[in-house]
Protein backbone atom coordinates (compact mmCIF):
# COMPACT_ATOMS: atom_id res chain seq x y z
CA MET A 1 78.16 61.63 116.87
CA PRO A 2 75.51 63.64 114.99
CA LYS A 3 76.03 66.59 117.34
CA GLU A 4 79.79 66.47 116.79
CA VAL A 5 79.31 66.52 113.01
CA GLU A 6 76.82 69.40 113.25
CA ASP A 7 79.25 71.38 115.42
CA LYS A 8 82.16 70.84 113.02
CA VAL A 9 80.09 71.79 109.98
CA ALA A 10 78.69 74.86 111.76
CA ALA A 11 82.27 76.04 112.35
CA ILE A 12 82.82 76.34 108.58
CA GLU A 13 82.65 79.94 107.40
CA GLY A 14 79.40 80.65 105.58
CA VAL A 15 77.47 77.70 107.02
CA MET A 16 74.39 78.94 108.83
CA SER A 17 73.10 75.60 110.16
CA SER A 18 73.25 71.87 109.65
CA LYS A 19 71.25 68.79 110.58
CA VAL A 20 72.53 65.21 110.61
CA ASN A 21 70.15 62.31 110.12
CA ILE A 22 71.39 58.77 110.65
CA VAL A 23 69.50 56.26 108.55
CA PHE A 24 69.72 52.50 108.22
CA ASP A 25 68.13 52.14 104.81
CA PRO A 26 69.58 50.46 102.88
CA PRO A 27 71.11 48.30 105.58
CA TRP A 28 74.88 48.68 105.61
CA ASP A 29 77.21 45.80 104.97
CA LYS A 30 80.94 45.56 104.34
CA ASP A 31 80.42 45.23 100.58
CA MET A 32 79.65 48.98 100.58
CA MET A 33 83.22 49.71 101.71
CA SER A 34 85.91 50.77 99.27
CA GLU A 35 88.70 48.31 98.51
CA GLU A 36 91.07 50.66 100.37
CA ALA A 37 88.89 50.64 103.50
CA LYS A 38 88.57 46.85 103.40
CA LEU A 39 92.34 46.50 103.11
CA GLU A 40 92.95 48.97 105.95
CA LEU A 41 90.56 47.09 108.26
CA GLY A 42 91.88 43.64 107.32
CA PHE A 43 88.83 42.43 105.38
CA LEU A 44 91.01 41.55 102.35
């Protein structure tokens, strides 16, 4: 996935380069989701 994001961003006019870093700090949990996302995924 990081390579796909870098490729898409690099295709934007004026962007010279990009680097994607995936981090797990703070640990993700569903409380970080918007109400809309929770509703869409059936968490509400």
